[in-house]
Amino acid sequence: MDTPKSGEPFVEELPSRHSVLTILDRVDPFAAPADEPPFGERDLRELVELQGAEDVLVNVASAKDEPERRRFAAAEALLAGPFESWRSSPPAHRAVADALAAALVDDSSHNRWGLPGHFVGRLGRALLSLSGGVVDALLPLLDCPEELIVEGSEASTLHSTSRYRVADLAAYLLSLQLEAPWEDHETAEKRDRVIDSLRKRATRG
């Protein structure tokens, strides 16, 4: 499979591109249940049957000028579908990591990503499973002050005490990626000190 160089999307128009985009645009990954991918079996089957679909999906995930919803959908399709070539491509892993991190910031349910110090959600696990680009994708999120949107009685109760932010969730995932200890605190001020420590560790050397 052809993959983009680091930071560069594909520029060629593949024959199946329009058909792939049509499938991507008929789902909304931000509105899907937190514990389920947005694509059904029919959608994935249609994608697999399109020649060059995997290349298009990687292209879309890596293209920062594509709509965020489409990039998120492309990443979800690569993770859920029986696509194999991208899994051995470090640039493709970076593309998926970037698309997922961008979606994490604006998601309508952060349950699918996790809750700092308590659990890792479906997409949090998917992000951490990638072999490249995870740290670079998470680092910018350490400055995101937006409060998490959390559903479910137990998770909401945990969240209501600490009012976790996107920065906290990104830091928690980063700590797991770096195999660094995570210190959970109820106040944002104390968590910021943990975040600063993780940032230094991630950028060291």
C-alpha atoms as a PDB file:
ATOM      1  CA  MET A   1       0.000   0.000   0.000  1.00  0.00           C
ATOM      2  CA  ASP A   2       1.228   3.474  -0.788  1.00  0.00           C
ATOM      3  CA  THR A   3       1.414   5.651   2.316  1.00  0.00           C
ATOM      4  CA  PRO A   4       2.001   9.380   2.709  1.00  0.00           C
ATOM      5  CA  LYS A   5       5.319  10.698   3.887  1.00  0.00           C
ATOM      6  CA  SER A   6       5.284  12.120   7.374  1.00  0.00           C
ATOM      7  CA  GLY A   7       3.016  15.174   7.427  1.00  0.00           C
ATOM      8  CA  GLU A   8       2.121  14.888   3.742  1.00  0.00           C
ATOM      9  CA  PRO A   9      -1.228  13.554   2.446  1.00  0.00           C
ATOM     10  CA  PHE A  10      -1.607  11.736  -0.846  1.00  0.00           C
ATOM     11  CA  VAL A  11      -2.139  14.107  -3.764  1.00  0.00           C
ATOM     12  CA  GLU A  12      -3.304  11.642  -6.406  1.00  0.00           C
ATOM     13  CA  GLU A  13      -6.982  11.051  -7.084  1.00  0.00           C
ATOM     14  CA  LEU A  14      -7.792   7.370  -6.746  1.00  0.00           C
ATOM     15  CA  PRO A  15     -10.682   5.949  -8.812  1.00  0.00           C
ATOM     16  CA  SER A  16     -12.704   4.920  -5.789  1.00  0.00           C
ATOM     17  CA  ARG A  17     -12.181   8.121  -3.810  1.00  0.00           C
ATOM     18  CA  HIS A  18     -15.656   9.538  -4.440  1.00  0.00           C
ATOM     19  CA  SER A  19     -17.325   6.278  -3.468  1.00  0.00           C
ATOM     20  CA  VAL A  20     -15.256   6.005  -0.278  1.00  0.00           C
ATOM     21  CA  LEU A  21     -16.100   9.580   0.717  1.00  0.00           C
ATOM     22  CA  THR A  22     -19.785   8.888   0.134  1.00  0.00           C
ATOM     23  CA  ILE A  23     -19.648   5.985   2.592  1.00  0.00           C
ATOM     24  CA  LEU A  24     -17.655   7.984   5.138  1.00  0.00           C
ATOM     25  CA  ASP A  25     -20.013  10.933   4.972  1.00  0.00           C
ATOM     26  CA  ARG A  26     -23.142   8.925   5.661  1.00  0.00           C
ATOM     27  CA  VAL A  27     -21.999   8.072   9.185  1.00  0.00           C
ATOM     28  CA  ASP A  28     -21.354  10.391  12.115  1.00  0.00           C
ATOM     29  CA  PRO A  29     -18.688   8.909  14.393  1.00  0.00           C
ATOM     30  CA  PHE A  30     -19.295  11.660  16.945  1.00  0.00           C
ATOM     31  CA  ALA A  31     -22.909  10.512  17.376  1.00  0.00           C
ATOM     32  CA  ALA A  32     -22.243   6.753  17.519  1.00  0.00           C
ATOM     33  CA  PRO A  33     -22.615   4.831  20.804  1.00  0.00           C
ATOM     34  CA  ALA A  34     -19.424   5.122  22.846  1.00  0.00           C
ATOM     35  CA  ASP A  35     -18.752   1.386  22.878  1.00  0.00           C
ATOM     36  CA  GLU A  36     -19.440   0.701  19.188  1.00  0.00           C
ATOM     37  CA  PRO A  37     -17.739   1.723  15.927  1.00  0.00           C
ATOM     38  CA  PRO A  38     -19.954   3.881  13.677  1.00  0.00           C
ATOM     39  CA  PHE A  39     -19.806   1.484  10.729  1.00  0.00           C
ATOM     40  CA  GLY A  40     -22.092  -1.469  10.252  1.00  0.00           C
ATOM     41  CA  GLU A  41     -21.155  -4.638   8.402  1.00  0.00           C
ATOM     42  CA  ARG A  42     -22.698  -3.363   5.179  1.00  0.00           C
ATOM     43  CA  ASP A  43     -20.619  -0.167   5.218  1.00  0.00           C
ATOM     44  CA  LEU A  44     -17.393  -2.048   5.843  1.00  0.00           C
ATOM     45  CA  ARG A  45     -18.215  -4.603   3.171  1.00  0.00           C
ATOM     46  CA  GLU A  46     -18.791  -1.831   0.640  1.00  0.00           C
ATOM     47  CA  LEU A  47     -15.489  -0.214   1.542  1.00  0.00           C
ATOM     48  CA  VAL A  48     -13.557  -3.462   1.232  1.00  0.00           C
ATOM     49  CA  GLU A  49     -15.032  -4.082  -2.207  1.00  0.00           C
ATOM     50  CA  LEU A  50     -13.797  -0.720  -3.529  1.00  0.00           C
ATOM     51  CA  GLN A  51     -10.400  -0.894  -5.224  1.00  0.00           C
ATOM     52  CA  GLY A  52      -7.883   1.318  -3.456  1.00  0.00           C
ATOM     53  CA  ALA A  53     -10.209   2.067  -0.535  1.00  0.00           C
ATOM     54  CA  GLU A  54      -7.517   1.483   2.070  1.00  0.00           C
ATOM     55  CA  ASP A  55      -5.237   4.046   0.442  1.00  0.00           C
ATOM     56  CA  VAL A  56      -8.077   6.561   0.333  1.00  0.00           C
ATOM     57  CA  LEU A  57      -8.864   6.003   4.006  1.00  0.00           C
ATOM     58  CA  VAL A  58      -5.245   6.620   5.010  1.00  0.00           C
ATOM     59  CA  ASN A  59      -5.201   9.662   2.756  1.00  0.00           C
ATOM     60  CA  VAL A  60      -8.305  11.125   4.366  1.00  0.00           C
ATOM     61  CA  ALA A  61      -7.116  10.391   7.903  1.00  0.00           C
ATOM     62  CA  SER A  62      -3.809  12.148   7.207  1.00  0.00           C
ATOM     63  CA  ALA A  63      -5.245  15.216   5.440  1.00  0.00           C
ATOM     64  CA  LYS A  64      -5.653  18.056   7.923  1.00  0.00           C
ATOM     65  CA  ASP A  65      -7.724  20.032   5.398  1.00  0.00           C
ATOM     66  CA  GLU A  66     -10.423  17.352   5.391  1.00  0.00           C
ATOM     67  CA  PRO A  67     -13.450  17.853   7.665  1.00  0.00           C
ATOM     68  CA  GLU A  68     -12.741  16.505  11.137  1.00  0.00           C
ATOM     69  CA  ARG A  69     -15.797  14.252  11.053  1.00  0.00           C
ATOM     70  CA  ARG A  70     -14.556  12.636   7.830  1.00  0.00           C
ATOM     71  CA  ARG A  71     -11.032  12.145   9.168  1.00  0.00           C
ATOM     72  CA  PHE A  72     -12.486  10.551  12.304  1.00  0.00           C
ATOM     73  CA  ALA A  73     -14.684   8.266  10.197  1.00  0.00           C
ATOM     74  CA  ALA A  74     -11.702   7.219   8.074  1.00  0.00           C
ATOM     75  CA  ALA A  75      -9.703   6.324  11.176  1.00  0.00           C
ATOM     76  CA  GLU A  76     -12.638   4.350  12.576  1.00  0.00           C
ATOM     77  CA  ALA A  77     -13.017   2.475   9.284  1.00  0.00           C
ATOM     78  CA  LEU A  78      -9.343   1.500   9.238  1.00  0.00           C
ATOM     79  CA  LEU A  79      -9.553   0.267  12.824  1.00  0.00           C
ATOM     80  CA  ALA A  80     -12.806  -1.666  12.350  1.00  0.00           C
ATOM     81  CA  GLY A  81     -12.361  -3.045   8.848  1.00  0.00           C
ATOM     82  CA  PRO A  82     -10.292  -5.988   7.589  1.00  0.00           C
ATOM     83  CA  PHE A  83      -7.606  -3.697   6.215  1.00  0.00           C
ATOM     84  CA  GLU A  84      -4.103  -5.031   6.785  1.00  0.00           C
ATOM     85  CA  SER A  85      -1.510  -3.040   4.811  1.00  0.00           C
ATOM     86  CA  TRP A  86      -1.782   0.141   6.884  1.00  0.00           C
ATOM     87  CA  ARG A  87      -1.091  -1.795  10.069  1.00  0.00           C
ATOM     88  CA  SER A  88       2.540  -2.317   9.034  1.00  0.00           C
ATOM     89  CA  SER A  89       3.015   1.309   7.915  1.00  0.00           C
ATOM     90  CA  PRO A  90       4.374   3.786  10.512  1.00  0.00           C
ATOM     91  CA  PRO A  91       3.171   6.815   8.486  1.00  0.00           C
ATOM     92  CA  ALA A  92      -0.321   5.332   8.400  1.00  0.00           C
ATOM     93  CA  HIS A  93      -0.224   4.798  12.158  1.00  0.00           C
ATOM     94  CA  ARG A  94       0.742   8.435  12.599  1.00  0.00           C
ATOM     95  CA  ALA A  95      -2.127   9.498  10.347  1.00  0.00           C
ATOM     96  CA  VAL A  96      -4.648   7.513  12.383  1.00  0.00           C
ATOM     97  CA  ALA A  97      -3.185   8.798  15.665  1.00  0.00           C
ATOM     98  CA  ASP A  98      -3.499  12.402  14.467  1.00  0.00           C
ATOM     99  CA  ALA A  99      -7.084  11.886  13.310  1.00  0.00           C
ATOM    100  CA  LEU A 100      -8.078  10.245  16.585  1.00  0.00           C
ATOM    101  CA  ALA A 101      -6.429  12.937  18.717  1.00  0.00           C
ATOM    102  CA  ALA A 102      -8.196  15.679  16.778  1.00  0.00           C
ATOM    103  CA  ALA A 103     -11.524  13.907  17.309  1.00  0.00           C
ATOM    104  CA  LEU A 104     -10.895  13.438  21.027  1.00  0.00           C
ATOM    105  CA  VAL A 105     -10.883  17.204  21.573  1.00  0.00           C
ATOM    106  CA  ASP A 106     -14.319  17.803  20.052  1.00  0.00           C
ATOM    107  CA  ASP A 107     -16.078  14.543  20.829  1.00  0.00           C
ATOM    108  CA  SER A 108     -19.584  14.529  22.271  1.00  0.00           C
ATOM    109  CA  SER A 109     -18.864  11.511  24.479  1.00  0.00           C
ATOM    110  CA  HIS A 110     -15.477  11.012  26.055  1.00  0.00           C
ATOM    111  CA  ASN A 111     -16.531   7.648  27.463  1.00  0.00           C
ATOM    112  CA  ARG A 112     -15.210   6.128  24.242  1.00  0.00           C
ATOM    113  CA  TRP A 113     -11.743   7.449  25.158  1.00  0.00           C
ATOM    114  CA  GLY A 114     -11.626   6.909  28.905  1.00  0.00           C
ATOM    115  CA  LEU A 115     -11.681   8.676  32.260  1.00  0.00           C
ATOM    116  CA  PRO A 116      -8.354   9.711  33.803  1.00  0.00           C
ATOM    117  CA  GLY A 117      -7.174   7.240  36.412  1.00  0.00           C
ATOM    118  CA  HIS A 118     -10.307   5.095  36.168  1.00  0.00           C
ATOM    119  CA  PHE A 119     -10.649   3.382  32.789  1.00  0.00           C
ATOM    120  CA  VAL A 120      -9.546   3.428  29.160  1.00  0.00           C
ATOM    121  CA  GLY A 121     -12.337   3.394  26.618  1.00  0.00           C
ATOM    122  CA  ARG A 122     -12.598   1.706  23.234  1.00  0.00           C
ATOM    123  CA  LEU A 123     -10.845   4.452  21.269  1.00  0.00           C
ATOM    124  CA  GLY A 124      -8.340   5.118  24.015  1.00  0.00           C
ATOM    125  CA  ARG A 125      -7.248   1.503  23.658  1.00  0.00           C
ATOM    126  CA  ALA A 126      -7.201   1.824  19.871  1.00  0.00           C
ATOM    127  CA  LEU A 127      -5.011   4.921  20.056  1.00  0.00           C
ATOM    128  CA  LEU A 128      -2.563   3.279  22.440  1.00  0.00           C
ATOM    129  CA  SER A 129      -2.365   0.203  20.206  1.00  0.00           C
ATOM    130  CA  LEU A 130      -0.766   2.207  17.400  1.00  0.00           C
ATOM    131  CA  SER A 131       2.957   1.760  16.942  1.00  0.00           C
ATOM    132  CA  GLY A 132       3.774   5.325  15.966  1.00  0.00           C
ATOM    133  CA  GLY A 133       2.664   8.913  16.358  1.00  0.00           C
ATOM    134  CA  VAL A 134       0.819   8.492  19.658  1.00  0.00           C
ATOM    135  CA  VAL A 135       3.034  10.748  21.769  1.00  0.00           C
ATOM    136  CA  ASP A 136       3.208  13.474  19.112  1.00  0.00           C
ATOM    137  CA  ALA A 137      -0.571  13.346  18.679  1.00  0.00           C
ATOM    138  CA  LEU A 138      -1.272  13.635  22.412  1.00  0.00           C
ATOM    139  CA  LEU A 139       1.236  16.345  23.325  1.00  0.00           C
ATOM    140  CA  PRO A 140      -0.770  19.295  21.887  1.00  0.00           C
ATOM    141  CA  LEU A 141      -3.835  18.120  23.807  1.00  0.00           C
ATOM    142  CA  LEU A 142      -2.069  18.719  27.116  1.00  0.00           C
ATOM    143  CA  ASP A 143      -3.029  22.381  26.719  1.00  0.00           C
ATOM    144  CA  CYS A 144      -6.741  21.790  26.021  1.00  0.00           C
ATOM    145  CA  PRO A 145      -8.879  23.167  28.880  1.00  0.00           C
ATOM    146  CA  GLU A 146     -12.235  21.888  27.587  1.00  0.00           C
ATOM    147  CA  GLU A 147     -14.141  19.848  30.128  1.00  0.00           C
ATOM    148  CA  LEU A 148     -14.866  16.221  29.282  1.00  0.00           C
ATOM    149  CA  ILE A 149     -18.378  15.146  28.331  1.00  0.00           C
ATOM    150  CA  VAL A 150     -19.039  12.002  30.339  1.00  0.00           C
ATOM    151  CA  GLU A 151     -22.118   9.763  30.313  1.00  0.00           C
ATOM    152  CA  GLY A 152     -23.351   7.073  32.683  1.00  0.00           C
ATOM    153  CA  SER A 153     -24.089   7.369  36.387  1.00  0.00           C
ATOM    154  CA  GLU A 154     -20.831   5.925  37.740  1.00  0.00           C
ATOM    155  CA  ALA A 155     -18.525   7.738  35.321  1.00  0.00           C
ATOM    156  CA  SER A 156     -20.475  10.981  35.749  1.00  0.00           C
ATOM    157  CA  THR A 157     -20.180  10.737  39.512  1.00  0.00           C
ATOM    158  CA  LEU A 158     -16.405  10.296  39.268  1.00  0.00           C
ATOM    159  CA  HIS A 159     -16.187  13.166  36.813  1.00  0.00           C
ATOM    160  CA  SER A 160     -18.374  15.520  38.851  1.00  0.00           C
ATOM    161  CA  THR A 161     -15.836  15.614  41.661  1.00  0.00           C
ATOM    162  CA  SER A 162     -12.752  16.411  39.590  1.00  0.00           C
ATOM    163  CA  ARG A 163     -14.210  18.076  36.479  1.00  0.00           C
ATOM    164  CA  TYR A 164     -11.668  16.413  34.234  1.00  0.00           C
ATOM    165  CA  ARG A 165     -10.491  18.242  31.116  1.00  0.00           C
ATOM    166  CA  VAL A 166      -9.310  17.065  27.710  1.00  0.00           C
ATOM    167  CA  ALA A 167      -5.796  17.855  28.947  1.00  0.00           C
ATOM    168  CA  ASP A 168      -6.227  15.423  31.832  1.00  0.00           C
ATOM    169  CA  LEU A 169      -7.472  12.623  29.590  1.00  0.00           C
ATOM    170  CA  ALA A 170      -4.637  13.194  27.115  1.00  0.00           C
ATOM    171  CA  ALA A 171      -2.138  13.166  29.971  1.00  0.00           C
ATOM    172  CA  TYR A 172      -3.599   9.948  31.364  1.00  0.00           C
ATOM    173  CA  LEU A 173      -3.319   8.231  27.979  1.00  0.00           C
ATOM    174  CA  LEU A 174       0.178   9.650  27.562  1.00  0.00           C
ATOM    175  CA  SER A 175       1.200   8.221  30.933  1.00  0.00           C
ATOM    176  CA  LEU A 176       0.053   4.782  29.804  1.00  0.00           C
ATOM    177  CA  GLN A 177       1.907   5.141  26.515  1.00  0.00           C
ATOM    178  CA  LEU A 178       5.106   6.155  28.339  1.00  0.00           C
ATOM    179  CA  GLU A 179       4.558   3.578  31.095  1.00  0.00           C
ATOM    180  CA  ALA A 180       4.768   6.422  33.581  1.00  0.00           C
ATOM    181  CA  PRO A 181       2.861   6.574  36.874  1.00  0.00           C
ATOM    182  CA  TRP A 182      -0.386   8.550  36.834  1.00  0.00           C
ATOM    183  CA  GLU A 183      -1.255  10.687  39.857  1.00  0.00           C
ATOM    184  CA  ASP A 184      -4.936  11.519  40.083  1.00  0.00           C
ATOM    185  CA  HIS A 185      -5.954  14.662  41.958  1.00  0.00           C
ATOM    186  CA  GLU A 186      -9.287  16.366  42.467  1.00  0.00           C
ATOM    187  CA  THR A 187      -7.966  19.832  41.633  1.00  0.00           C
ATOM    188  CA  ALA A 188      -6.848  20.951  38.182  1.00  0.00           C
ATOM    189  CA  GLU A 189      -3.928  22.830  39.717  1.00  0.00           C
ATOM    190  CA  LYS A 190      -2.385  19.656  41.113  1.00  0.00           C
ATOM    191  CA  ARG A 191      -3.093  17.733  37.905  1.00  0.00           C
ATOM    192  CA  ASP A 192      -1.330  20.469  35.941  1.00  0.00           C
ATOM    193  CA  ARG A 193       1.855  19.664  37.816  1.00  0.00           C
ATOM    194  CA  VAL A 194       1.495  16.021  36.793  1.00  0.00           C
ATOM    195  CA  ILE A 195       0.887  17.116  33.201  1.00  0.00           C
ATOM    196  CA  ASP A 196       4.014  19.283  33.197  1.00  0.00           C
ATOM    197  CA  SER A 197       6.056  16.338  34.433  1.00  0.00           C
ATOM    198  CA  LEU A 198       4.660  14.077  31.720  1.00  0.00           C
ATOM    199  CA  ARG A 199       5.302  16.716  29.061  1.00  0.00           C
ATOM    200  CA  LYS A 200       8.956  16.954  30.102  1.00  0.00           C
ATOM    201  CA  ARG A 201       9.306  13.193  30.100  1.00  0.00           C
ATOM    202  CA  ALA A 202       7.739  12.890  26.634  1.00  0.00           C
ATOM    203  CA  THR A 203       9.954  15.571  25.102  1.00  0.00           C
ATOM    204  CA  ARG A 204      13.156  14.584  26.873  1.00  0.00           C
ATOM    205  CA  GLY A 205      16.050  13.893  24.532  1.00  0.00           C
END
